[in-house]
Structure formats: structure tokens, C-alpha cells
């Protein structure tokens, strides 16, 4: 998790794993979340190739713009971008 420079938002990414109790089949997915106190955006999808970015890692895939108007989630093979300010 990483707060925005202005402190109004937080961005988080989680690497999830589950194993079915009955079949033993496993699945893995990412959850990406951008939020402020009154609103949250969430995306769940298949994992992207990435370096380990857990709480004990020095690698961060979350990159905020200096003015907090957007946050990027940067992976070696792809990137996701969320804008926090509405046009207009």
C-alpha cells in the first residue's frame, strides 16, 4: 500500500492465492485498489509477471504522480493507470 503525495488517496495491490478444499486446485489473482474515504475503485484479474512486491520487499510497483492526479501500477510486461481527478 502506498499513500498519494497529497495524502487524500491510497493505492494497494495484493497478490492472492487460494486452494480449493475439496479438489486441491489452486488459483492466483491480483487485487488492485485505489481509494479515498468516500470512494474506492477495485480491479481483480489474473496476475501479471512482476517482481516480488510484498511488505518485506524494496520493490514497489505503485507509482504516484507528484500532484496525486494519477497512480500507475508498473510491471515488466504491462502497466495499469488510474486517474484520481475527473476531467473538467
C-alpha atoms as a PDB file:
ATOM      1  CA  UNK A   1       0.000   0.000   0.000  1.00  0.00           C
ATOM      2  CA  UNK A   2       1.213   3.498  -0.803  1.00  0.00           C
ATOM      3  CA  UNK A   3      -0.475   6.817   0.054  1.00  0.00           C
ATOM      4  CA  UNK A   4      -0.687   9.586  -2.547  1.00  0.00           C
ATOM      5  CA  UNK A   5       1.655  12.583  -2.142  1.00  0.00           C
ATOM      6  CA  UNK A   6      -1.271  14.811  -1.070  1.00  0.00           C
ATOM      7  CA  UNK A   7      -2.475  12.197   1.444  1.00  0.00           C
ATOM      8  CA  UNK A   8      -6.013  12.038   0.028  1.00  0.00           C
ATOM      9  CA  UNK A   9      -5.766   8.575  -1.583  1.00  0.00           C
ATOM     10  CA  UNK A  10      -4.201   5.199  -1.021  1.00  0.00           C
ATOM     11  CA  UNK A  11      -3.237   2.667  -3.658  1.00  0.00           C
ATOM     12  CA  UNK A  12      -2.765  -1.002  -2.892  1.00  0.00           C
ATOM     13  CA  UNK A  13      -2.024  -4.202  -4.732  1.00  0.00           C
ATOM     14  CA  UNK A  14      -2.420  -7.681  -3.305  1.00  0.00           C
ATOM     15  CA  UNK A  15      -1.254 -10.998  -4.675  1.00  0.00           C
ATOM     16  CA  UNK A  16      -3.951 -13.534  -3.705  1.00  0.00           C
ATOM     17  CA  UNK A  17      -3.809 -17.305  -3.602  1.00  0.00           C
ATOM     18  CA  UNK A  18      -6.488 -19.873  -2.770  1.00  0.00           C
ATOM     19  CA  UNK A  19      -6.609 -23.631  -2.801  1.00  0.00           C
ATOM     20  CA  UNK A  20      -9.936 -25.448  -3.078  1.00  0.00           C
ATOM     21  CA  UNK A  21     -10.514 -27.639  -0.033  1.00  0.00           C
ATOM     22  CA  UNK A  22     -12.237 -30.439  -1.978  1.00  0.00           C
ATOM     23  CA  UNK A  23     -10.292 -30.571  -5.234  1.00  0.00           C
ATOM     24  CA  UNK A  24      -6.921 -29.173  -4.181  1.00  0.00           C
ATOM     25  CA  UNK A  25      -6.944 -26.916  -7.252  1.00  0.00           C
ATOM     26  CA  UNK A  26      -5.210 -23.640  -6.711  1.00  0.00           C
ATOM     27  CA  UNK A  27      -5.799 -20.248  -8.228  1.00  0.00           C
ATOM     28  CA  UNK A  28      -3.962 -16.944  -8.060  1.00  0.00           C
ATOM     29  CA  UNK A  29      -5.128 -13.389  -8.795  1.00  0.00           C
ATOM     30  CA  UNK A  30      -4.223  -9.755  -8.146  1.00  0.00           C
ATOM     31  CA  UNK A  31      -6.467  -7.217  -6.451  1.00  0.00           C
ATOM     32  CA  UNK A  32      -5.668  -3.580  -7.201  1.00  0.00           C
ATOM     33  CA  UNK A  33      -7.413  -0.887  -5.176  1.00  0.00           C
ATOM     34  CA  UNK A  34      -7.366   2.930  -5.266  1.00  0.00           C
ATOM     35  CA  UNK A  35      -9.424   4.684  -2.610  1.00  0.00           C
ATOM     36  CA  UNK A  36     -10.169   7.775  -0.600  1.00  0.00           C
ATOM     37  CA  UNK A  37     -12.555   7.976   2.375  1.00  0.00           C
ATOM     38  CA  UNK A  38     -15.728   8.288   0.273  1.00  0.00           C
ATOM     39  CA  UNK A  39     -14.944   6.170  -2.811  1.00  0.00           C
ATOM     40  CA  UNK A  40     -12.978   3.108  -3.889  1.00  0.00           C
ATOM     41  CA  UNK A  41     -12.029   1.599  -7.242  1.00  0.00           C
ATOM     42  CA  UNK A  42     -11.087  -2.054  -7.359  1.00  0.00           C
ATOM     43  CA  UNK A  43      -9.833  -4.332 -10.113  1.00  0.00           C
ATOM     44  CA  UNK A  44      -9.411  -8.092  -9.812  1.00  0.00           C
ATOM     45  CA  UNK A  45      -7.636 -10.026 -12.506  1.00  0.00           C
ATOM     46  CA  UNK A  46      -5.081 -12.609 -13.454  1.00  0.00           C
ATOM     47  CA  UNK A  47      -1.589 -11.996 -12.125  1.00  0.00           C
ATOM     48  CA  UNK A  48       0.908 -10.192 -14.326  1.00  0.00           C
ATOM     49  CA  UNK A  49       4.590 -11.076 -14.432  1.00  0.00           C
ATOM     50  CA  UNK A  50       6.126  -8.987 -11.669  1.00  0.00           C
ATOM     51  CA  UNK A  51       8.990  -8.884  -9.234  1.00  0.00           C
ATOM     52  CA  UNK A  52       8.139  -9.785  -5.647  1.00  0.00           C
ATOM     53  CA  UNK A  53       6.485  -6.674  -4.182  1.00  0.00           C
ATOM     54  CA  UNK A  54       5.346  -7.880  -0.763  1.00  0.00           C
ATOM     55  CA  UNK A  55       5.653  -5.995   2.513  1.00  0.00           C
ATOM     56  CA  UNK A  56       9.255  -7.108   3.004  1.00  0.00           C
ATOM     57  CA  UNK A  57      10.375  -6.161  -0.500  1.00  0.00           C
ATOM     58  CA  UNK A  58      12.181  -2.995  -1.515  1.00  0.00           C
ATOM     59  CA  UNK A  59      10.414  -3.189  -4.915  1.00  0.00           C
ATOM     60  CA  UNK A  60       7.296  -1.052  -5.385  1.00  0.00           C
ATOM     61  CA  UNK A  61       5.032  -1.400  -8.400  1.00  0.00           C
ATOM     62  CA  UNK A  62       2.906   1.588  -7.252  1.00  0.00           C
ATOM     63  CA  UNK A  63       3.954   4.962  -8.685  1.00  0.00           C
ATOM     64  CA  UNK A  64       2.068   8.181  -7.909  1.00  0.00           C
ATOM     65  CA  UNK A  65       2.318  11.362  -9.970  1.00  0.00           C
ATOM     66  CA  UNK A  66       3.711  14.298  -7.930  1.00  0.00           C
ATOM     67  CA  UNK A  67       0.323  16.065  -7.953  1.00  0.00           C
ATOM     68  CA  UNK A  68      -1.624  12.876  -6.988  1.00  0.00           C
ATOM     69  CA  UNK A  69      -3.733  13.098 -10.162  1.00  0.00           C
ATOM     70  CA  UNK A  70      -2.897   9.547 -11.216  1.00  0.00           C
ATOM     71  CA  UNK A  71      -1.346   6.358  -9.969  1.00  0.00           C
ATOM     72  CA  UNK A  72       0.363   3.731 -12.096  1.00  0.00           C
ATOM     73  CA  UNK A  73       0.924   0.075 -11.304  1.00  0.00           C
ATOM     74  CA  UNK A  74       4.072  -0.799 -13.256  1.00  0.00           C
ATOM     75  CA  UNK A  75       5.016  -4.360 -14.189  1.00  0.00           C
ATOM     76  CA  UNK A  76       7.762  -5.600 -16.539  1.00  0.00           C
ATOM     77  CA  UNK A  77       5.269  -6.575 -19.270  1.00  0.00           C
ATOM     78  CA  UNK A  78       2.352  -4.197 -18.627  1.00  0.00           C
ATOM     79  CA  UNK A  79       1.102  -1.186 -16.740  1.00  0.00           C
ATOM     80  CA  UNK A  80      -2.218  -0.050 -15.331  1.00  0.00           C
ATOM     81  CA  UNK A  81      -3.116   3.602 -14.812  1.00  0.00           C
ATOM     82  CA  UNK A  82      -5.883   5.084 -12.664  1.00  0.00           C
ATOM     83  CA  UNK A  83      -6.733   8.774 -12.745  1.00  0.00           C
ATOM     84  CA  UNK A  84      -7.933  10.276  -9.479  1.00  0.00           C
ATOM     85  CA  UNK A  85      -9.215  13.598 -10.788  1.00  0.00           C
ATOM     86  CA  UNK A  86     -12.190  13.940 -13.048  1.00  0.00           C
ATOM     87  CA  UNK A  87     -11.729  15.972 -16.244  1.00  0.00           C
ATOM     88  CA  UNK A  88     -13.442  19.268 -16.417  1.00  0.00           C
END
